[in-house]
Structure formats: structure tokens, C-alpha cells
C-alpha atoms as a PDB file:
ATOM      1  CA  MET A   1      -0.455   0.416  -0.676  1.00  0.00           C
ATOM      2  CA  LYS A   2       1.119   3.153  -1.176  1.00  0.00           C
ATOM      3  CA  LYS A   3       2.580   5.103   2.288  1.00  0.00           C
ATOM      4  CA  ILE A   4       0.398   8.450   2.786  1.00  0.00           C
ATOM      5  CA  ARG A   5       3.307  11.891   3.396  1.00  0.00           C
ATOM      6  CA  THR A   6       1.868  14.468   5.662  1.00  0.00           C
ATOM      7  CA  LYS A   7       3.875  17.548   5.186  1.00  0.00           C
ATOM      8  CA  THR A   8       5.738  18.984   8.459  1.00  0.00           C
ATOM      9  CA  GLY A   9       3.893  21.792  10.222  1.00  0.00           C
ATOM     10  CA  ASN A  10       7.120  23.807   8.636  1.00  0.00           C
ATOM     11  CA  GLU A  11       5.961  22.733   4.737  1.00  0.00           C
ATOM     12  CA  GLU A  12       2.429  23.475   5.445  1.00  0.00           C
ATOM     13  CA  LEU A  13       3.488  27.441   6.795  1.00  0.00           C
ATOM     14  CA  GLY A  14       5.452  27.967   4.009  1.00  0.00           C
ATOM     15  CA  ALA A  15       3.229  26.176   0.911  1.00  0.00           C
ATOM     16  CA  GLN A  16       0.337  28.990   2.647  1.00  0.00           C
ATOM     17  CA  LEU A  17       3.312  31.404   2.021  1.00  0.00           C
ATOM     18  CA  ARG A  18       3.785  30.976  -1.466  1.00  0.00           C
ATOM     19  CA  PRO A  19       1.563  33.726  -2.464  1.00  0.00           C
ATOM     20  CA  ILE A  20       3.502  36.298  -1.156  1.00  0.00           C
ATOM     21  CA  VAL A  21       6.486  34.465  -2.913  1.00  0.00           C
ATOM     22  CA  VAL A  22       5.115  35.111  -5.975  1.00  0.00           C
ATOM     23  CA  PHE A  23       4.387  38.610  -5.155  1.00  0.00           C
ATOM     24  CA  HIS A  24       7.959  39.729  -4.355  1.00  0.00           C
ATOM     25  CA  ALA A  25       8.913  37.741  -7.511  1.00  0.00           C
ATOM     26  CA  LEU A  26       7.169  39.671  -9.811  1.00  0.00           C
ATOM     27  CA  LEU A  27       7.815  42.432  -8.085  1.00  0.00           C
ATOM     28  CA  ASN A  28      11.635  41.195  -8.731  1.00  0.00           C
ATOM     29  CA  GLU A  29      10.524  40.561 -12.650  1.00  0.00           C
ATOM     30  CA  ARG A  30       8.461  44.042 -12.973  1.00  0.00           C
ATOM     31  CA  ALA A  31       5.120  42.388 -13.947  1.00  0.00           C
ATOM     32  CA  SER A  32       2.251  44.720 -15.351  1.00  0.00           C
ATOM     33  CA  PRO A  33       0.941  46.349 -13.133  1.00  0.00           C
ATOM     34  CA  ALA A  34      -2.733  43.769 -12.813  1.00  0.00           C
ATOM     35  CA  ARG A  35      -0.275  41.330 -12.666  1.00  0.00           C
ATOM     36  CA  ILE A  36       0.995  43.241  -9.513  1.00  0.00           C
ATOM     37  CA  LEU A  37      -1.822  44.254  -7.934  1.00  0.00           C
ATOM     38  CA  GLY A  38      -3.545  40.533  -8.158  1.00  0.00           C
ATOM     39  CA  ALA A  39      -0.438  38.835  -7.007  1.00  0.00           C
ATOM     40  CA  ALA A  40      -0.371  41.465  -3.987  1.00  0.00           C
ATOM     41  CA  ARG A  41      -4.513  41.184  -3.160  1.00  0.00           C
ATOM     42  CA  THR A  42      -4.223  36.845  -3.261  1.00  0.00           C
ATOM     43  CA  ALA A  43      -1.023  37.684  -0.587  1.00  0.00           C
ATOM     44  CA  ALA A  44      -3.081  40.292   1.508  1.00  0.00           C
ATOM     45  CA  SER A  45      -5.313  37.311   2.210  1.00  0.00           C
ATOM     46  CA  VAL A  46      -3.232  34.559   3.335  1.00  0.00           C
ATOM     47  CA  LEU A  47      -1.936  36.770   5.961  1.00  0.00           C
ATOM     48  CA  THR A  48      -4.264  36.250   9.182  1.00  0.00           C
ATOM     49  CA  SER A  49      -3.210  36.561  12.848  1.00  0.00           C
ATOM     50  CA  GLU A  50      -2.550  32.327  13.643  1.00  0.00           C
ATOM     51  CA  MET A  51      -0.638  33.131  10.168  1.00  0.00           C
ATOM     52  CA  ILE A  52       1.011  35.419  11.879  1.00  0.00           C
ATOM     53  CA  ALA A  53       1.289  33.688  15.119  1.00  0.00           C
ATOM     54  CA  ARG A  54       2.474  30.593  13.171  1.00  0.00           C
ATOM     55  CA  LEU A  55       5.612  32.238  11.449  1.00  0.00           C
ATOM     56  CA  GLU A  56       7.112  34.559  14.222  1.00  0.00           C
ATOM     57  CA  ARG A  57       7.070  31.034  16.941  1.00  0.00           C
ATOM     58  CA  THR A  58       9.234  29.269  13.240  1.00  0.00           C
ATOM     59  CA  ILE A  59      11.312  32.283  13.351  1.00  0.00           C
ATOM     60  CA  ALA A  60      12.336  32.055  16.686  1.00  0.00           C
ATOM     61  CA  GLU A  61      12.782  28.491  16.434  1.00  0.00           C
ATOM     62  CA  LEU A  62      14.617  29.459  13.773  1.00  0.00           C
ATOM     63  CA  ASP A  63      17.075  32.035  15.305  1.00  0.00           C
ATOM     64  CA  GLU A  64      17.393  29.444  18.466  1.00  0.00           C
ATOM     65  CA  MET A  65      18.435  27.674  15.999  1.00  0.00           C
ATOM     66  CA  VAL A  66      21.005  29.432  14.850  1.00  0.00           C
ATOM     67  CA  GLN A  67      22.284  30.573  17.448  1.00  0.00           C
ATOM     68  CA  ARG A  68      22.866  26.784  18.491  1.00  0.00           C
ATOM     69  CA  ARG A  69      24.854  26.305  15.914  1.00  0.00           C
ATOM     70  CA  LEU A  70      27.142  29.443  16.344  1.00  0.00           C
ATOM     71  CA  SER A  71      27.963  28.635  19.427  1.00  0.00           C
ATOM     72  CA  GLU A  72      29.127  24.870  19.445  1.00  0.00           C
ATOM     73  CA  LEU A  73      30.659  26.351  15.787  1.00  0.00           C
ATOM     74  CA  GLU A  74      34.859  26.035  17.265  1.00  0.00           C
ATOM     75  CA  ALA A  75      33.348  21.909  18.758  1.00  0.00           C
ATOM     76  CA  ASP A  76      32.232  21.562  15.355  1.00  0.00           C
ATOM     77  CA  LEU A  77      35.341  23.263  13.298  1.00  0.00           C
ATOM     78  CA  ARG A  78      37.975  20.951  15.639  1.00  0.00           C
ATOM     79  CA  ASP A  79      35.791  18.307  15.662  1.00  0.00           C
ATOM     80  CA  MET A  80      36.362  18.609  10.866  1.00  0.00           C
ATOM     81  CA  ALA A  81      40.023  19.070  11.446  1.00  0.00           C
ATOM     82  CA  ARG A  82      40.512  15.757  14.309  1.00  0.00           C
ATOM     83  CA  SER A  83      38.347  13.449  12.033  1.00  0.00           C
ATOM     84  CA  ASN A  84      39.650  14.705   8.150  1.00  0.00           C
ATOM     85  CA  GLY A  85      42.668  14.660   9.625  1.00  0.00           C
ATOM     86  CA  TRP A  86      43.478  18.366   9.041  1.00  0.00           C
ATOM     87  CA  ARG A  87      46.153  20.543  10.784  1.00  0.00           C
ATOM     88  CA  LEU A  88      43.767  23.095  12.493  1.00  0.00           C
ATOM     89  CA  GLU A  89      45.790  26.288  14.235  1.00  0.00           C
ATOM     90  CA  GLY A  90      44.805  29.588  15.192  1.00  0.00           C
ATOM     91  CA  THR A  91      42.231  31.104  17.982  1.00  0.00           C
ATOM     92  CA  TRP A  92      38.905  32.195  17.395  1.00  0.00           C
ATOM     93  CA  PRO A  93      37.530  34.523  15.556  1.00  0.00           C
ATOM     94  CA  THR A  94      40.653  33.107  12.797  1.00  0.00           C
ATOM     95  CA  PHE A  95      42.336  29.445  12.599  1.00  0.00           C
ATOM     96  CA  GLN A  96      44.659  28.353   9.163  1.00  0.00           C
ATOM     97  CA  ILE A  97      43.748  24.988   8.535  1.00  0.00           C
ATOM     98  CA  GLU A  98      46.919  23.147   6.523  1.00  0.00           C
ATOM     99  CA  ARG A  99      49.109  26.462   7.070  1.00  0.00           C
ATOM    100  CA  GLY A 100      47.549  27.393   3.656  1.00  0.00           C
ATOM    101  CA  VAL A 101      43.946  28.171   3.931  1.00  0.00           C
ATOM    102  CA  GLU A 102      42.260  30.458   6.635  1.00  0.00           C
ATOM    103  CA  VAL A 103      38.887  29.759   7.725  1.00  0.00           C
ATOM    104  CA  ARG A 104      37.632  32.646   9.548  1.00  0.00           C
ATOM    105  CA  VAL A 105      34.384  33.253  11.822  1.00  0.00           C
ATOM    106  CA  GLU A 106      32.670  36.128  11.124  1.00  0.00           C
ATOM    107  CA  ILE A 107      28.844  35.678  13.480  1.00  0.00           C
ATOM    108  CA  ALA A 108      28.268  39.498  12.948  1.00  0.00           C
ATOM    109  CA  GLN A 109      26.942  37.973   8.914  1.00  0.00           C
ATOM    110  CA  SER A 110      26.128  33.902   9.879  1.00  0.00           C
ATOM    111  CA  ILE A 111      28.700  33.477   7.438  1.00  0.00           C
ATOM    112  CA  VAL A 112      32.553  31.772   7.500  1.00  0.00           C
ATOM    113  CA  ARG A 113      35.044  32.464   5.347  1.00  0.00           C
ATOM    114  CA  VAL A 114      37.151  29.326   4.062  1.00  0.00           C
ATOM    115  CA  ALA A 115      39.557  30.730   2.198  1.00  0.00           C
ATOM    116  CA  GLY A 116      37.713  33.884   1.615  1.00  0.00           C
ATOM    117  CA  SER A 117      34.395  32.496   0.290  1.00  0.00           C
ATOM    118  CA  PRO A 118      31.813  33.016   2.076  1.00  0.00           C
ATOM    119  CA  VAL A 119      29.783  29.825   3.722  1.00  0.00           C
ATOM    120  CA  ASP A 120      27.254  29.449   5.023  1.00  0.00           C
ATOM    121  CA  ALA A 121      28.678  29.595   8.854  1.00  0.00           C
ATOM    122  CA  THR A 122      25.215  27.298   9.797  1.00  0.00           C
ATOM    123  CA  ASP A 123      26.692  24.527   7.008  1.00  0.00           C
ATOM    124  CA  THR A 124      28.892  22.299   8.542  1.00  0.00           C
ATOM    125  CA  VAL A 125      28.305  19.745   5.199  1.00  0.00           C
ATOM    126  CA  ALA A 126      28.491  23.236   3.131  1.00  0.00           C
ATOM    127  CA  ILE A 127      31.960  24.355   5.388  1.00  0.00           C
ATOM    128  CA  GLY A 128      33.685  20.842   5.224  1.00  0.00           C
ATOM    129  CA  ASP A 129      33.644  20.214   1.634  1.00  0.00           C
ATOM    130  CA  ALA A 130      34.615  23.926   1.284  1.00  0.00           C
ATOM    131  CA  VAL A 131      37.373  23.582   3.207  1.00  0.00           C
ATOM    132  CA  ARG A 132      38.270  19.920   0.962  1.00  0.00           C
ATOM    133  CA  GLU A 133      37.748  21.896  -1.805  1.00  0.00           C
ATOM    134  CA  ALA A 134      40.460  24.810  -0.691  1.00  0.00           C
ATOM    135  CA  THR A 135      42.962  22.121   0.832  1.00  0.00           C
ATOM    136  CA  ARG A 136      42.964  19.275  -2.297  1.00  0.00           C
ATOM    137  CA  ASP A 137      46.102  20.380  -3.611  1.00  0.00           C
ATOM    138  CA  LEU A 138      48.064  22.611  -1.177  1.00  0.00           C
ATOM    139  CA  MET A 139      50.398  20.251  -1.475  1.00  0.00           C
ATOM    140  CA  PRO A 140      52.759  18.843  -4.495  1.00  0.00           C
ATOM    141  CA  LYS A 141      53.087  15.084  -3.948  1.00  0.00           C
ATOM    142  CA  THR A 142      56.137  14.615  -5.099  1.00  0.00           C
ATOM    143  CA  PHE A 143      57.375  18.186  -2.315  1.00  0.00           C
ATOM    144  CA  SER A 144      60.646  18.121  -1.816  1.00  0.00           C
ATOM    145  CA  SER A 145      61.523  21.736   1.037  1.00  0.00           C
ATOM    146  CA  GLN A 146      64.909  21.776  -0.484  1.00  0.00           C
ATOM    147  CA  ASP A 147      63.542  22.227  -3.808  1.00  0.00           C
ATOM    148  CA  MET A 148      61.126  24.885  -2.568  1.00  0.00           C
ATOM    149  CA  LEU A 149      64.395  26.256  -1.024  1.00  0.00           C
ATOM    150  CA  GLU A 150      66.357  26.408  -4.164  1.00  0.00           C
ATOM    151  CA  GLN A 151      63.511  27.799  -6.235  1.00  0.00           C
ATOM    152  CA  LEU A 152      63.016  30.725  -3.735  1.00  0.00           C
ATOM    153  CA  ARG A 153      67.182  31.768  -3.586  1.00  0.00           C
ATOM    154  CA  ARG A 154      66.561  31.723  -8.055  1.00  0.00           C
ATOM    155  CA  SER A 155      64.069  33.515  -7.660  1.00  0.00           C
ATOM    156  CA  HIS A 156      65.609  36.507  -4.622  1.00  0.00           C
ATOM    157  CA  ALA A 157      68.577  36.287  -7.528  1.00  0.00           C
ATOM    158  CA  ALA A 158      66.255  37.348 -10.890  1.00  0.00           C
ATOM    159  CA  LEU A 159      64.735  40.616  -8.562  1.00  0.00           C
ATOM    160  CA  ARG A 160      68.468  40.793  -6.430  1.00  0.00           C
ATOM    161  CA  PRO A 161      71.176  39.910  -8.196  1.00  0.00           C
ATOM    162  CA  GLU A 162      73.433  42.334  -5.662  1.00  0.00           C
ATOM    163  CA  GLY A 163      70.945  40.390  -2.638  1.00  0.00           C
ATOM    164  CA  GLY A 164      69.179  42.323  -0.163  1.00  0.00           C
ATOM    165  CA  GLN A 165      65.602  42.554   0.813  1.00  0.00           C
ATOM    166  CA  VAL A 166      62.866  41.352  -1.563  1.00  0.00           C
ATOM    167  CA  PRO A 167      58.992  41.573  -0.761  1.00  0.00           C
ATOM    168  CA  ILE A 168      58.199  38.943   0.273  1.00  0.00           C
ATOM    169  CA  LEU A 169      54.627  38.983  -2.482  1.00  0.00           C
ATOM    170  CA  ASP A 170      57.808  40.180  -4.906  1.00  0.00           C
ATOM    171  CA  LEU A 171      58.828  36.968  -4.815  1.00  0.00           C
ATOM    172  CA  TYR A 172      55.410  35.183  -4.083  1.00  0.00           C
ATOM    173  CA  GLY A 173      55.245  37.259  -8.055  1.00  0.00           C
ATOM    174  CA  ARG A 174      58.785  36.004  -9.334  1.00  0.00           C
ATOM    175  CA  PHE A 175      58.383  32.405  -7.678  1.00  0.00           C
ATOM    176  CA  VAL A 176      54.857  32.266 -10.136  1.00  0.00           C
ATOM    177  CA  MET A 177      56.210  32.275 -13.169  1.00  0.00           C
ATOM    178  CA  ASP A 178      59.894  31.038 -12.509  1.00  0.00           C
ATOM    179  CA  SER A 179      57.672  27.730 -12.232  1.00  0.00           C
ATOM    180  CA  GLN A 180      56.210  27.121 -15.298  1.00  0.00           C
ATOM    181  CA  SER A 181      58.170  24.890 -17.853  1.00  0.00           C
ATOM    182  CA  GLN A 182      59.985  26.439 -21.368  1.00  0.00           C
ATOM    183  CA  ARG A 183      57.275  24.542 -22.711  1.00  0.00           C
ATOM    184  CA  PHE A 184      54.790  27.050 -21.328  1.00  0.00           C
ATOM    185  CA  TRP A 185      56.935  30.650 -22.259  1.00  0.00           C
ATOM    186  CA  ARG A 186      57.388  28.963 -26.334  1.00  0.00           C
ATOM    187  CA  ASP A 187      52.962  28.991 -26.023  1.00  0.00           C
ATOM    188  CA  ALA A 188      51.846  30.908 -22.997  1.00  0.00           C
ATOM    189  CA  THR A 189      47.649  29.307 -23.474  1.00  0.00           C
ATOM    190  CA  ALA A 190      46.276  28.727 -20.435  1.00  0.00           C
ATOM    191  CA  ASP A 191      46.025  24.444 -19.858  1.00  0.00           C
ATOM    192  CA  ARG A 192      50.017  25.059 -19.509  1.00  0.00           C
ATOM    193  CA  PHE A 193      50.095  27.689 -17.279  1.00  0.00           C
ATOM    194  CA  VAL A 194      51.591  26.553 -13.658  1.00  0.00           C
ATOM    195  CA  ALA A 195      49.060  27.813 -11.164  1.00  0.00           C
ATOM    196  CA  VAL A 196      50.568  28.384  -7.513  1.00  0.00           C
ATOM    197  CA  SER A 197      48.051  30.056  -5.403  1.00  0.00           C
ATOM    198  CA  VAL A 198      48.781  32.147  -2.269  1.00  0.00           C
ATOM    199  CA  ASP A 199      47.086  29.342  -0.324  1.00  0.00           C
ATOM    200  CA  GLN A 200      49.782  26.933  -1.683  1.00  0.00           C
ATOM    201  CA  PHE A 201      52.706  29.664  -1.415  1.00  0.00           C
ATOM    202  CA  ARG A 202      52.063  29.845   1.922  1.00  0.00           C
ATOM    203  CA  ALA A 203      51.557  26.152   3.365  1.00  0.00           C
ATOM    204  CA  ARG A 204      54.346  25.625   0.864  1.00  0.00           C
ATOM    205  CA  LEU A 205      56.613  27.617   2.152  1.00  0.00           C
ATOM    206  CA  SER A 206      55.935  27.141   6.286  1.00  0.00           C
ATOM    207  CA  ARG A 207      56.285  22.916   5.782  1.00  0.00           C
ATOM    208  CA  MET A 208      59.669  24.084   4.252  1.00  0.00           C
ATOM    209  CA  LEU A 209      60.740  26.449   7.142  1.00  0.00           C
ATOM    210  CA  GLU A 210      60.534  23.057   8.912  1.00  0.00           C
ATOM    211  CA  ASP A 211      62.661  20.975   6.889  1.00  0.00           C
ATOM    212  CA  VAL A 212      65.570  23.554   5.879  1.00  0.00           C
ATOM    213  CA  HIS A 213      66.282  27.080   5.992  1.00  0.00           C
ATOM    214  CA  VAL A 214      70.537  26.628   4.473  1.00  0.00           C
ATOM    215  CA  ALA A 215      70.565  26.866   0.512  1.00  0.00           C
ATOM    216  CA  LEU A 216      73.269  24.659  -0.959  1.00  0.00           C
ATOM    217  CA  ASP A 217      75.123  27.476  -2.082  1.00  0.00           C
ATOM    218  CA  GLY A 218      75.199  27.793   1.858  1.00  0.00           C
ATOM    219  CA  SER A 219      73.236  31.125   2.252  1.00  0.00           C
ATOM    220  CA  GLU A 220      70.033  31.312   4.993  1.00  0.00           C
ATOM    221  CA  LEU A 221      67.145  32.275   4.235  1.00  0.00           C
ATOM    222  CA  ARG A 222      65.605  35.266   6.496  1.00  0.00           C
ATOM    223  CA  LEU A 223      62.238  36.381   7.095  1.00  0.00           C
ATOM    224  CA  LEU A 224      61.870  40.182   7.462  1.00  0.00           C
ATOM    225  CA  PRO A 225      58.383  41.885   9.022  1.00  0.00           C
ATOM    226  CA  PRO A 226      56.722  43.978   6.981  1.00  0.00           C
ATOM    227  CA  ILE A 227      56.011  47.896   7.347  1.00  0.00           C
ATOM    228  CA  ASP A 228      52.615  47.487   6.238  1.00  0.00           C
ATOM    229  CA  PRO A 229      50.484  44.247   7.035  1.00  0.00           C
ATOM    230  CA  LYS A 230      48.755  44.149   3.231  1.00  0.00           C
ATOM    231  CA  ASP A 231      52.559  44.174   2.332  1.00  0.00           C
ATOM    232  CA  ALA A 232      52.880  40.126   4.106  1.00  0.00           C
ATOM    233  CA  LEU A 233      52.048  37.113   4.102  1.00  0.00           C
ATOM    234  CA  PHE A 234      50.522  35.423   7.253  1.00  0.00           C
ATOM    235  CA  ILE A 235      52.972  31.819   7.450  1.00  0.00           C
ATOM    236  CA  TYR A 236      53.517  29.577  10.531  1.00  0.00           C
ATOM    237  CA  LEU A 237      57.014  30.504  12.468  1.00  0.00           C
ATOM    238  CA  PRO A 238      58.591  27.055  12.998  1.00  0.00           C
ATOM    239  CA  VAL A 239      61.269  29.127  15.292  1.00  0.00           C
ATOM    240  CA  GLU A 240      58.954  30.461  17.515  1.00  0.00           C
ATOM    241  CA  ALA A 241      56.071  27.822  17.283  1.00  0.00           C
ATOM    242  CA  ARG A 242      53.684  30.238  15.923  1.00  0.00           C
ATOM    243  CA  PHE A 243      52.597  32.685  13.029  1.00  0.00           C
ATOM    244  CA  GLY A 244      53.458  35.954  12.520  1.00  0.00           C
ATOM    245  CA  TYR A 245      53.645  38.270   9.490  1.00  0.00           C
ATOM    246  CA  VAL A 246      56.400  37.635   7.193  1.00  0.00           C
ATOM    247  CA  GLY A 247      56.622  41.168   4.802  1.00  0.00           C
ATOM    248  CA  ARG A 248      60.567  40.897   3.596  1.00  0.00           C
ATOM    249  CA  ILE A 249      63.019  37.913   1.702  1.00  0.00           C
ATOM    250  CA  GLU A 250      66.525  38.113   2.347  1.00  0.00           C
ATOM    251  CA  PHE A 251      69.329  35.664   2.006  1.00  0.00           C
ATOM    252  CA  VAL A 252      72.527  35.994   3.215  1.00  0.00           C
ATOM    253  CA  GLY A 253      76.116  34.395   4.137  1.00  0.00           C
ATOM    254  CA  ARG A 254      76.634  33.145   1.305  1.00  0.00           C
ATOM    255  CA  ARG A 255      79.688  31.377   0.383  1.00  0.00           C
END
């Protein structure tokens, strides 16, 4: 025998409010005055005192649910990181995942920014999907800290052959250029371009700093603070066991 599905209270309320949704849609579509008038009259007819009271109760219930989920968000983020094997660091409301992806909670807007992109703060599934996508290509499978350091040294030398400090964002730009293959420079099409996002660069630089800071020629990588944080990258500093802003980089003591 076919099962008869009964509507929940919220579904029933939604069905009753459908004329108001139609009215709103017609306004946005700039429909004819006659169509909007008809829709407005239908919408007004459904707004009984009983329906308004039900709507107010539903709003109160949903508001309570949103507040509860927001209050549990930090615990949810930490549980999510543990279950997925992600390294999560930082303190409320800004966290770093895998030392490359920033997760920033904006309570007033009820959103979480994952690598800058807004996600509904009450939707933990969507947050998890966004983090999963952002962390997927952070580290190449064949990553080598020494190779990363040597490429940084070459990029630094291309910008400052005489040595000295280089703004980290300038170095990042040169690093991306130096990551391209000869095939790309012979025919610079989009499908041949090797992208290196800022998040990928931060994660790889952080991993490299955990392993090595002296290049094969004996020069030592040094990180210096920025004059202005907007010209810096927020990366993990293993020597200090914390995240900090790095604005300039230099290689010193070359043999």
C-alpha cells in the first residue's frame, strides 16, 4: 500500500506563504501592474493573525537553532579537522588549516570565510566541503623542501642579483613565473600555465621552513616583518612556533 506522507508544520506554513513568494517574484520581475496587484491581493488574503503567530514562532525556533549552531561552531571545526586529519591552528575567530587555508568566522553575518569565500556558518557540511576543496591541492605529492628553497633562492637572485631584501609578494610573483615550463614560455596558453595560489605558496613555504632554511650554496634564508601587514603573508614560523606576518625575505652568508 502506498505510504501517504504528511506535511510537517514548517512545510504546511511554507505552502500557505507561497502567494507571498509569488508576489515578491513578480515585483523583482517588474511584471505588469495588473499581475502585481492580483498577486498582492492574494498575498494579503493569506496573512491571518493565526498565520502571523505561527510565522513568529517559527522565526523564534530558527533563531534559537542558528544561535546554538554558532555557539558550537568552534567545537564543530575542531571535530571536523580531527575527523579529516587536518592540522588546525589559531584562535577564535580566525583559524589556519594545513598552514595554508584561512578559516575566519564572521558571527555578525553568520558566515565562515574559507580561503576568502563565504559559506553559511550554520551549514557544517558546506564548510567541510569548502575546506576539502581549498586544501586538496595545497601540497604537491612530490614536494621537496630543499627544492622549494633552491627555487626561492633563484627567484630572489633574479629580483636582486646583488643580494638584499625583497618584498615577499614580489618574490611570490617571481616564484610563480619561475614555476612555468619552457613549453609555456614558447606558447603561453592557459592550459599550459602552472598556477600557484597564495594559499599554496604559504602552505609550502611553512612546510619548507620546518625542514630547511640553508640553501645548497650556503646562503641562509631570513624572514623579516613588514612595514604594513597588507604587504605581507601570514605564515607559520617554526622557530617561534607561531604564525606571523612576513613582509620581506633575504638570503645572507652565501659562500
